[in-house]
Protein backbone atom coordinates (compact mmCIF):
# COMPACT_ATOMS: atom_id res chain seq x y z
CA MET A 1 -77.22 -13.54 35.15
CA ILE A 2 -77.84 -11.12 32.22
CA PRO A 3 -80.83 -9.06 32.97
CA ALA A 4 -83.76 -10.51 30.29
CA HIS A 5 -84.50 -7.11 29.03
CA TRP A 6 -80.93 -6.32 27.62
CA PRO A 7 -80.43 -6.28 23.98
CA VAL A 8 -79.22 -9.55 22.24
CA PRO A 9 -76.08 -8.22 20.99
CA LEU A 10 -75.18 -6.63 24.30
CA ALA A 11 -76.08 -10.05 26.12
CA LEU A 12 -73.76 -11.95 23.98
CA PHE A 13 -71.07 -9.55 24.37
CA VAL A 14 -71.03 -9.61 28.03
CA ALA A 15 -71.39 -13.58 28.14
CA GLY A 16 -68.51 -13.91 25.93
CA PHE A 17 -66.46 -11.25 27.82
CA ALA A 18 -67.47 -12.94 31.28
CA VAL A 19 -66.47 -16.32 30.09
CA THR A 20 -63.17 -15.16 28.65
CA LEU A 21 -62.15 -13.63 31.76
CA ILE A 22 -63.27 -16.98 33.69
CA VAL A 23 -61.08 -18.93 31.20
CA ALA A 24 -58.05 -16.52 31.44
CA LEU A 25 -58.15 -16.65 35.27
CA ARG A 26 -58.24 -20.30 35.36
CA TYR A 27 -55.23 -20.38 33.36
CA LEU A 28 -53.25 -18.04 35.19
CA LEU A 29 -54.45 -19.66 38.58
CA THR A 30 -53.79 -23.24 37.56
CA SER A 31 -50.52 -22.87 35.25
CA GLY A 32 -49.25 -20.59 37.91
CA LEU A 33 -50.11 -22.77 40.48
CA PHE A 34 -48.21 -25.72 38.78
CA ALA A 35 -45.31 -23.27 37.83
CA TRP A 36 -44.79 -22.68 41.66
CA LEU A 37 -44.76 -26.25 42.23
CA THR A 38 -42.12 -26.55 39.41
CA HIS A 39 -40.10 -24.35 41.43
CA ARG A 40 -40.32 -25.90 44.50
CA VAL A 41 -39.97 -29.40 43.26
CA ARG A 42 -37.63 -29.08 40.40
CA PRO A 43 -35.84 -26.20 40.86
CA GLY A 44 -34.08 -24.53 38.19
CA LEU A 45 -36.02 -26.47 35.52
CA TYR A 46 -37.32 -23.11 33.79
CA ASP A 47 -34.19 -21.00 34.24
CA GLY A 48 -33.73 -18.89 31.19
CA LYS A 49 -37.13 -19.37 29.95
CA ARG A 50 -38.55 -15.94 30.77
CA ALA A 51 -38.92 -14.90 27.00
CA GLN A 52 -40.39 -18.55 25.89
CA ILE A 53 -42.88 -18.11 29.01
CA GLY A 54 -43.97 -14.39 28.25
CA LYS A 55 -44.82 -15.56 24.69
CA GLU A 56 -46.57 -18.65 26.16
CA ILE A 57 -49.01 -16.34 28.10
CA ARG A 58 -49.63 -13.62 25.56
CA TRP A 59 -50.67 -16.76 22.98
CA SER A 60 -52.62 -18.34 26.08
CA LEU A 61 -54.41 -15.09 26.82
CA MET A 62 -55.54 -14.78 23.38
CA SER A 63 -56.66 -18.26 23.26
CA ALA A 64 -58.73 -17.84 26.08
CA ALA A 65 -60.90 -15.20 24.27
CA ILE A 66 -61.36 -17.82 21.27
CA TYR A 67 -62.51 -20.40 24.04
CA GLY A 68 -64.42 -18.20 26.15
CA VAL A 69 -66.45 -16.44 23.55
CA PRO A 70 -68.45 -19.55 22.13
CA ALA A 71 -68.70 -20.92 25.64
CA GLY A 72 -70.32 -17.93 26.76
CA ILE A 73 -72.83 -17.62 23.85
CA VAL A 74 -73.63 -21.16 24.26
CA LEU A 75 -74.28 -20.74 28.10
CA TRP A 76 -76.26 -17.50 27.74
CA GLY A 77 -78.74 -19.50 25.02
CA TRP A 78 -79.01 -22.48 27.71
CA ARG A 79 -79.93 -20.05 30.47
CA LYS A 80 -82.26 -17.87 28.27
CA PHE A 81 -83.77 -20.40 25.92
CA GLY A 82 -82.89 -23.84 27.29
CA TRP A 83 -80.59 -24.77 24.33
CA THR A 84 -78.35 -27.51 24.98
CA GLU A 85 -78.54 -30.79 26.66
CA ILE A 86 -77.15 -29.50 29.98
CA THR A 87 -78.97 -30.11 33.05
CA LEU A 88 -79.20 -28.69 36.49
CA ALA A 89 -81.69 -31.26 37.99
CA TRP A 90 -80.21 -34.33 39.59
CA ASP A 91 -83.07 -36.42 38.71
CA ALA A 92 -83.04 -35.60 35.41
CA LEU A 93 -80.58 -38.43 34.46
CA PRO A 94 -79.87 -41.61 36.05
CA ALA A 95 -77.19 -41.81 38.49
CA TRP A 96 -75.05 -44.32 36.55
CA TYR A 97 -75.02 -41.89 33.63
CA TRP A 98 -72.81 -39.11 35.38
CA PRO A 99 -69.50 -40.95 35.11
CA VAL A 100 -70.54 -42.56 31.47
CA SER A 101 -71.30 -38.62 30.64
CA VAL A 102 -67.76 -37.57 32.01
CA LEU A 103 -66.26 -40.44 30.02
CA ILE A 104 -68.03 -39.75 26.89
CA TYR A 105 -66.85 -36.36 26.78
CA LEU A 106 -63.27 -37.27 27.54
CA PHE A 107 -63.18 -39.86 24.97
CA ALA A 108 -64.93 -37.28 22.41
CA GLN A 109 -62.27 -34.88 23.32
CA ASP A 110 -59.27 -37.15 22.99
CA THR A 111 -60.71 -38.36 19.70
CA TRP A 112 -61.26 -35.00 18.15
CA PHE A 113 -57.68 -33.79 19.70
CA TYR A 114 -55.86 -36.67 17.93
CA TRP A 115 -57.06 -36.29 14.62
CA SER A 116 -56.99 -32.29 14.60
CA HIS A 117 -53.71 -32.42 16.39
CA ARG A 118 -52.21 -34.84 13.83
CA ALA A 119 -53.73 -32.68 10.95
CA MET A 120 -51.48 -29.93 12.56
CA HIS A 121 -48.50 -31.51 11.75
CA ARG A 122 -49.09 -31.49 7.86
CA PRO A 123 -46.40 -29.05 6.83
CA ARG A 124 -49.13 -26.37 5.84
CA LEU A 125 -50.65 -26.31 8.76
CA PHE A 126 -47.63 -26.75 11.35
CA ARG A 127 -45.97 -23.63 9.47
CA LEU A 128 -49.26 -21.67 9.60
CA ALA A 129 -50.31 -22.44 13.02
CA HIS A 130 -49.11 -25.55 14.98
CA ALA A 131 -45.59 -24.20 15.15
CA VAL A 132 -46.58 -21.61 17.65
CA HIS A 133 -47.08 -24.65 20.29
CA HIS A 134 -43.88 -26.19 19.45
CA HIS A 135 -41.70 -22.77 20.08
CA SER A 136 -41.87 -24.03 23.44
CA ARG A 137 -39.16 -26.68 23.68
CA PRO A 138 -39.32 -28.10 25.96
CA PRO A 139 -42.59 -26.98 27.33
CA THR A 140 -43.50 -25.48 30.80
CA ALA A 141 -46.58 -25.22 33.12
CA TRP A 142 -47.60 -22.09 30.98
CA THR A 143 -47.64 -23.89 27.35
CA ALA A 144 -51.07 -25.65 27.61
CA MET A 145 -52.99 -22.90 26.14
CA SER A 146 -50.24 -21.60 23.66
CA PHE A 147 -51.89 -21.77 20.50
CA HIS A 148 -52.13 -19.93 17.41
CA PRO A 149 -55.77 -18.73 16.75
CA ILE A 150 -56.44 -21.26 13.94
CA GLU A 151 -55.20 -23.87 16.26
CA ALA A 152 -57.49 -22.43 19.23
CA VAL A 153 -60.54 -22.11 17.18
CA SER A 154 -60.32 -25.90 16.33
CA GLY A 155 -59.93 -26.86 20.10
CA ALA A 156 -62.52 -24.40 21.17
CA LEU A 157 -65.62 -25.62 19.41
CA LEU A 158 -66.23 -29.32 20.47
CA ILE A 159 -67.65 -28.75 23.71
CA PRO A 160 -69.96 -26.24 22.85
CA LEU A 161 -71.18 -28.44 19.94
CA LEU A 162 -71.16 -31.53 22.24
CA VAL A 163 -73.45 -29.87 24.74
CA PHE A 164 -75.99 -29.77 22.14
CA LEU A 165 -76.06 -33.53 21.39
CA VAL A 166 -74.99 -35.19 24.80
CA PRO A 167 -77.05 -34.94 27.91
CA ILE A 168 -74.67 -33.81 30.80
CA HIS A 169 -75.30 -32.59 34.40
CA LEU A 170 -73.51 -29.29 34.82
CA SER A 171 -71.36 -30.92 37.61
CA ALA A 172 -70.21 -33.47 35.48
CA LEU A 173 -69.37 -30.73 32.67
CA ALA A 174 -67.33 -29.00 35.56
CA THR A 175 -65.45 -32.41 36.05
CA VAL A 176 -64.67 -32.58 32.28
CA LEU A 177 -63.70 -28.87 32.23
CA THR A 178 -61.27 -29.58 35.17
CA VAL A 179 -59.70 -32.40 34.06
CA ALA A 180 -59.14 -30.89 30.51
CA THR A 181 -57.51 -28.11 32.70
CA VAL A 182 -55.30 -30.05 34.80
CA MET A 183 -54.09 -32.78 32.34
CA GLY A 184 -53.22 -29.83 29.88
CA VAL A 185 -51.05 -28.06 32.29
CA THR A 186 -49.28 -30.95 34.12
CA ASN A 187 -48.72 -32.87 30.81
CA HIS A 188 -46.64 -29.87 29.64
CA MET A 189 -44.90 -28.80 32.97
CA GLY A 190 -41.62 -30.65 32.00
CA TRP A 191 -41.50 -33.19 34.67
CA GLU A 192 -43.68 -36.02 36.01
CA MET A 193 -46.00 -35.58 38.95
CA PHE A 194 -47.52 -38.66 38.66
CA PRO A 195 -45.85 -41.70 40.84
CA ARG A 196 -43.72 -44.17 38.91
CA TRP A 197 -45.81 -47.06 40.06
CA LEU A 198 -48.94 -45.47 37.82
CA VAL A 199 -46.87 -44.21 35.05
CA HIS A 200 -44.93 -47.85 34.29
CA SER A 201 -48.15 -49.77 35.03
CA ARG A 202 -50.23 -51.65 32.96
CA LEU A 203 -52.95 -48.82 33.38
CA GLY A 204 -50.23 -45.93 32.94
CA ASP A 205 -49.64 -47.85 29.27
CA TRP A 206 -52.99 -46.28 28.52
CA LEU A 207 -52.93 -43.02 30.07
CA ILE A 208 -51.17 -39.71 28.96
CA THR A 209 -49.23 -37.99 31.33
CA ALA A 210 -46.03 -35.39 31.00
CA SER A 211 -43.79 -38.32 30.31
CA HIS A 212 -45.57 -39.36 27.20
CA HIS A 213 -46.76 -36.18 25.84
CA GLU A 214 -43.15 -34.60 26.07
CA ARG A 215 -41.93 -37.37 23.95
CA HIS A 216 -44.15 -35.37 21.37
CA HIS A 217 -42.20 -32.18 21.88
CA GLU A 218 -39.23 -34.00 21.46
CA ASP A 219 -39.89 -35.96 18.18
CA TYR A 220 -43.45 -34.29 16.57
CA GLN A 221 -44.51 -37.18 14.52
CA CYS A 222 -45.86 -39.37 17.59
CA ASN A 223 -47.83 -38.94 20.59
CA TYR A 224 -50.69 -37.18 19.22
CA ALA A 225 -53.68 -37.97 21.61
CA LEU A 226 -54.69 -35.90 24.84
CA TYR A 227 -55.94 -38.22 27.62
CA PHE A 228 -55.38 -41.94 26.55
CA ARG A 229 -53.20 -43.85 24.23
CA PHE A 230 -55.86 -45.63 22.65
CA TRP A 231 -55.52 -43.72 19.05
CA ASP A 232 -51.72 -43.40 19.16
CA ARG A 233 -51.78 -47.22 19.82
CA LEU A 234 -54.41 -47.92 17.17
CA CYS A 235 -52.82 -45.66 14.31
CA GLY A 236 -49.44 -46.70 15.33
CA THR A 237 -48.05 -43.41 16.19
CA ASP A 238 -46.98 -44.64 20.22
CA ARG A 239 -43.43 -43.80 20.67
CA GLY A 240 -43.24 -44.17 24.37
CA LEU A 241 -41.98 -42.16 26.91
CA SER A 242 -39.71 -38.89 27.23
CA ARG A 243 -36.06 -39.73 27.04
CA ARG A 244 -35.41 -36.83 29.10
CA ILE A 245 -38.22 -37.16 31.70
CA VAL A 246 -37.47 -41.01 32.25
CA GLU A 247 -33.82 -40.43 32.74
CA ALA A 248 -34.46 -37.82 35.32
CA ALA A 249 -36.73 -40.08 36.83
CA GLY A 250 -33.94 -42.78 37.09
CA ARG A 251 -35.77 -45.41 34.57
CA ALA A 252 -34.32 -47.10 31.81
CA VAL A 253 -34.77 -45.02 28.53
CA PRO A 254 -37.51 -47.07 26.34
CA SER A 255 -36.83 -48.23 23.04
CA PRO A 256 -38.32 -46.15 20.34
CA ALA A 257 -41.20 -47.84 18.61
CA SER A 258 -41.16 -47.44 14.48
CA VAL A 259 -43.82 -44.77 13.73
CA PRO A 260 -45.26 -44.43 10.29
CA ALA A 261 -44.36 -41.32 8.43
CA GLU A 262 -46.92 -38.70 7.77
């Protein structure tokens, strides 16, 4: 808690700095955990990638500040002035709304990510910003937040804006952020942690895991979404699963679908 008598500029600085540290620590612990798991489950997968991983960590720590500052300011305003639609009271919202709010936030994130990500593949924006993320070929568990600052800003503002518009319990918001963190890391770590029966099921046909997202890192002009394959399927940009990951799992390589040119 920030003392009420602190000057506003100092309070904002401390709030932004504190949340930046939390985001950076969350990144280091989560990516570090899945990198360790990769070394245990897929030994040698990251061999020769020390330089790439070093760059990913540096870009990611820069992104942590870009994500942390606006989030810290909004949290400070919520606690001091009651800004936002975040609540701590369990009886403030109906019980059925808790999972609904999580899905609303995830779908809103997915929608924003699909269209902003697709825009980042326009030649100018790609050269200016998004190329940083695609320097990771193939990606690793450290890639999830490896963004140029321009791209980091585009991703950092959505949830701080959503909390002013869509009511949500703090625990539900924490769930959204946990899903975003875990899926961001696992979708980039270069191997499939989810079981084949899920990935190759009817449900799996609508969910994004490492098998789906790595196809984007292989072919670029496809598979733009974050959690769900809804927008990719609707817009004709779903090209299926990664050749390398599917082959490594011992499955037949899917036939590439035609994708309209950008």
